[in-house]
Amino acid sequence: MFISIGLMAFYGFASTNKLTGRWESKPSPNGNVTGVVFRNDSSFDGYVNKKPFVTGTYSYTPEDSVFTFTDNGCNGMKGIYKVIFFSNSDSLRFLPVSDSCSERKNGMERLILGRVKK
């Protein structure tokens, strides 16, 4: 029991925010799975069906759940979204605050991700 509590405490302090880790969507009607890995160093990688398609950097403010990022698409334009956690913070969706990249915004608004547990 002590070991379990110790490991839970270690993993709880190892992440700098609730976003850190691997997240994936459920399969779309055509079978695609979208995912993203958020790292402690503020970098992220996005993929579809395990194939990388986007990389970037982000910041996350837990007090107001604001997620700000730039990626290698959209000509370097910054996107700002509010992160809505649900299901005990094991699922999330993004609410646009400001994003001039309409293609990215359309995809982000529809995206629902679940935490991938090891």
C-alpha atoms as a PDB file:
ATOM      1  CA  MET A   1       0.000   0.000   0.000  1.00  0.00           C
ATOM      2  CA  PHE A   2       2.832   2.410   0.867  1.00  0.00           C
ATOM      3  CA  ILE A   3       4.480   1.722  -2.478  1.00  0.00           C
ATOM      4  CA  SER A   4       1.245   2.550  -4.340  1.00  0.00           C
ATOM      5  CA  ILE A   5       0.828   5.836  -2.479  1.00  0.00           C
ATOM      6  CA  GLY A   6       4.498   6.683  -3.051  1.00  0.00           C
ATOM      7  CA  LEU A   7       4.230   5.993  -6.778  1.00  0.00           C
ATOM      8  CA  MET A   8       1.016   8.013  -7.033  1.00  0.00           C
ATOM      9  CA  ALA A   9       2.727  10.938  -5.289  1.00  0.00           C
ATOM     10  CA  PHE A  10       5.761  10.649  -7.555  1.00  0.00           C
ATOM     11  CA  TYR A  11       3.676  10.625 -10.732  1.00  0.00           C
ATOM     12  CA  GLY A  12       1.492  13.425  -9.435  1.00  0.00           C
ATOM     13  CA  PHE A  13       4.505  15.674  -8.927  1.00  0.00           C
ATOM     14  CA  ALA A  14       6.297  14.542 -12.107  1.00  0.00           C
ATOM     15  CA  SER A  15       3.795  16.382 -14.324  1.00  0.00           C
ATOM     16  CA  THR A  16       3.826  20.116 -14.419  1.00  0.00           C
ATOM     17  CA  ASN A  17       0.176  20.361 -15.486  1.00  0.00           C
ATOM     18  CA  LYS A  18      -2.966  18.367 -16.213  1.00  0.00           C
ATOM     19  CA  LEU A  19      -2.186  18.368 -19.945  1.00  0.00           C
ATOM     20  CA  THR A  20       1.113  16.495 -19.680  1.00  0.00           C
ATOM     21  CA  GLY A  21       0.882  13.041 -21.206  1.00  0.00           C
ATOM     22  CA  ARG A  22      -0.641  11.216 -24.165  1.00  0.00           C
ATOM     23  CA  TRP A  23      -4.203  11.927 -25.325  1.00  0.00           C
ATOM     24  CA  GLU A  24      -6.213  10.282 -28.131  1.00  0.00           C
ATOM     25  CA  SER A  25      -9.590  10.591 -29.786  1.00  0.00           C
ATOM     26  CA  LYS A  26     -11.969   7.723 -30.337  1.00  0.00           C
ATOM     27  CA  PRO A  27     -11.842   6.420 -33.914  1.00  0.00           C
ATOM     28  CA  SER A  28     -13.682   8.685 -36.374  1.00  0.00           C
ATOM     29  CA  PRO A  29     -16.333   7.214 -38.721  1.00  0.00           C
ATOM     30  CA  ASN A  30     -13.548   6.506 -41.245  1.00  0.00           C
ATOM     31  CA  GLY A  31     -11.338   4.933 -38.545  1.00  0.00           C
ATOM     32  CA  ASN A  32      -8.832   7.738 -37.923  1.00  0.00           C
ATOM     33  CA  VAL A  33      -7.472   8.237 -34.410  1.00  0.00           C
ATOM     34  CA  THR A  34      -6.055  11.669 -33.610  1.00  0.00           C
ATOM     35  CA  GLY A  35      -3.638  12.037 -30.738  1.00  0.00           C
ATOM     36  CA  VAL A  36      -1.261  14.414 -29.074  1.00  0.00           C
ATOM     37  CA  VAL A  37       1.593  14.100 -26.602  1.00  0.00           C
ATOM     38  CA  PHE A  38       2.121  17.096 -24.302  1.00  0.00           C
ATOM     39  CA  ARG A  39       5.547  17.140 -22.656  1.00  0.00           C
ATOM     40  CA  ASN A  40       6.795  18.858 -19.489  1.00  0.00           C
ATOM     41  CA  ASP A  41       9.179  20.978 -21.581  1.00  0.00           C
ATOM     42  CA  SER A  42       6.163  22.711 -23.237  1.00  0.00           C
ATOM     43  CA  SER A  43       6.575  20.881 -26.553  1.00  0.00           C
ATOM     44  CA  PHE A  44       3.938  18.698 -28.185  1.00  0.00           C
ATOM     45  CA  ASP A  45       3.525  16.312 -31.110  1.00  0.00           C
ATOM     46  CA  GLY A  46       0.243  15.552 -32.850  1.00  0.00           C
ATOM     47  CA  TYR A  47      -0.448  12.452 -34.913  1.00  0.00           C
ATOM     48  CA  VAL A  48      -3.161  10.712 -36.886  1.00  0.00           C
ATOM     49  CA  ASN A  49      -3.122   6.903 -36.868  1.00  0.00           C
ATOM     50  CA  LYS A  50       0.312   6.993 -35.150  1.00  0.00           C
ATOM     51  CA  LYS A  51       1.784   9.095 -37.998  1.00  0.00           C
ATOM     52  CA  PRO A  52       3.158  12.524 -36.949  1.00  0.00           C
ATOM     53  CA  PHE A  53       1.501  15.535 -38.563  1.00  0.00           C
ATOM     54  CA  VAL A  54       2.182  18.519 -36.286  1.00  0.00           C
ATOM     55  CA  THR A  55       4.717  19.684 -33.702  1.00  0.00           C
ATOM     56  CA  GLY A  56       4.881  22.821 -31.640  1.00  0.00           C
ATOM     57  CA  THR A  57       5.208  24.511 -28.293  1.00  0.00           C
ATOM     58  CA  TYR A  58       2.539  25.462 -25.788  1.00  0.00           C
ATOM     59  CA  SER A  59       1.826  27.155 -22.507  1.00  0.00           C
ATOM     60  CA  TYR A  60      -0.990  26.261 -20.175  1.00  0.00           C
ATOM     61  CA  THR A  61      -2.354  28.411 -17.357  1.00  0.00           C
ATOM     62  CA  PRO A  62      -4.230  26.161 -14.917  1.00  0.00           C
ATOM     63  CA  GLU A  63      -5.916  29.070 -13.105  1.00  0.00           C
ATOM     64  CA  ASP A  64      -8.069  29.898 -16.140  1.00  0.00           C
ATOM     65  CA  SER A  65      -7.396  26.758 -18.252  1.00  0.00           C
ATOM     66  CA  VAL A  66      -5.979  28.795 -21.135  1.00  0.00           C
ATOM     67  CA  PHE A  67      -3.909  26.853 -23.659  1.00  0.00           C
ATOM     68  CA  THR A  68      -1.746  28.956 -26.010  1.00  0.00           C
ATOM     69  CA  PHE A  69       0.333  27.350 -28.738  1.00  0.00           C
ATOM     70  CA  THR A  70       2.159  27.676 -32.017  1.00  0.00           C
ATOM     71  CA  ASP A  71       2.827  24.787 -34.355  1.00  0.00           C
ATOM     72  CA  ASN A  72       4.524  24.037 -37.653  1.00  0.00           C
ATOM     73  CA  GLY A  73       1.291  24.728 -39.565  1.00  0.00           C
ATOM     74  CA  CYS A  74      -0.774  27.881 -40.078  1.00  0.00           C
ATOM     75  CA  ASN A  75       2.288  30.022 -40.916  1.00  0.00           C
ATOM     76  CA  GLY A  76       3.293  30.305 -37.258  1.00  0.00           C
ATOM     77  CA  MET A  77      -0.010  31.871 -36.158  1.00  0.00           C
ATOM     78  CA  LYS A  78      -0.743  31.502 -32.461  1.00  0.00           C
ATOM     79  CA  GLY A  79      -3.883  29.700 -31.289  1.00  0.00           C
ATOM     80  CA  ILE A  80      -5.512  30.407 -27.927  1.00  0.00           C
ATOM     81  CA  TYR A  81      -8.081  28.004 -26.496  1.00  0.00           C
ATOM     82  CA  LYS A  82      -9.751  27.294 -23.196  1.00  0.00           C
ATOM     83  CA  VAL A  83      -9.311  23.678 -22.149  1.00  0.00           C
ATOM     84  CA  ILE A  84     -12.463  22.051 -20.841  1.00  0.00           C
ATOM     85  CA  PHE A  85     -11.647  18.981 -18.744  1.00  0.00           C
ATOM     86  CA  PHE A  86     -14.382  16.474 -17.935  1.00  0.00           C
ATOM     87  CA  SER A  87     -14.793  12.866 -16.732  1.00  0.00           C
ATOM     88  CA  ASN A  88     -12.460  13.355 -13.751  1.00  0.00           C
ATOM     89  CA  SER A  89      -9.982  15.243 -15.985  1.00  0.00           C
ATOM     90  CA  ASP A  90      -9.479  12.123 -18.122  1.00  0.00           C
ATOM     91  CA  SER A  91     -11.099  13.790 -21.159  1.00  0.00           C
ATOM     92  CA  LEU A  92     -10.802  17.232 -22.680  1.00  0.00           C
ATOM     93  CA  ARG A  93     -12.011  19.473 -25.460  1.00  0.00           C
ATOM     94  CA  PHE A  94     -10.913  22.888 -26.690  1.00  0.00           C
ATOM     95  CA  LEU A  95     -13.018  26.055 -26.783  1.00  0.00           C
ATOM     96  CA  PRO A  96     -11.557  28.679 -29.148  1.00  0.00           C
ATOM     97  CA  VAL A  97     -10.632  32.036 -27.648  1.00  0.00           C
ATOM     98  CA  SER A  98      -8.585  33.369 -30.566  1.00  0.00           C
ATOM     99  CA  ASP A  99      -7.290  31.564 -33.656  1.00  0.00           C
ATOM    100  CA  SER A 100      -6.936  33.161 -37.105  1.00  0.00           C
ATOM    101  CA  CYS A 101      -6.208  29.784 -38.728  1.00  0.00           C
ATOM    102  CA  SER A 102      -9.693  28.618 -39.724  1.00  0.00           C
ATOM    103  CA  GLU A 103      -8.632  25.099 -40.760  1.00  0.00           C
ATOM    104  CA  ARG A 104      -6.959  24.448 -37.401  1.00  0.00           C
ATOM    105  CA  LYS A 105      -9.828  26.095 -35.498  1.00  0.00           C
ATOM    106  CA  ASN A 106     -12.407  23.876 -37.242  1.00  0.00           C
ATOM    107  CA  GLY A 107     -10.450  20.763 -36.308  1.00  0.00           C
ATOM    108  CA  MET A 108      -9.795  21.839 -32.726  1.00  0.00           C
ATOM    109  CA  GLU A 109     -13.462  22.679 -32.066  1.00  0.00           C
ATOM    110  CA  ARG A 110     -14.517  19.126 -32.994  1.00  0.00           C
ATOM    111  CA  LEU A 111     -11.693  17.351 -31.174  1.00  0.00           C
ATOM    112  CA  ILE A 112     -12.414  15.412 -27.984  1.00  0.00           C
ATOM    113  CA  LEU A 113      -9.464  13.612 -26.434  1.00  0.00           C
ATOM    114  CA  GLY A 114      -9.155  11.023 -23.695  1.00  0.00           C
ATOM    115  CA  ARG A 115      -6.083  10.475 -21.549  1.00  0.00           C
ATOM    116  CA  VAL A 116      -4.146   7.365 -22.560  1.00  0.00           C
ATOM    117  CA  LYS A 117      -3.329   5.461 -19.403  1.00  0.00           C
ATOM    118  CA  LYS A 118      -0.300   3.209 -19.211  1.00  0.00           C
END
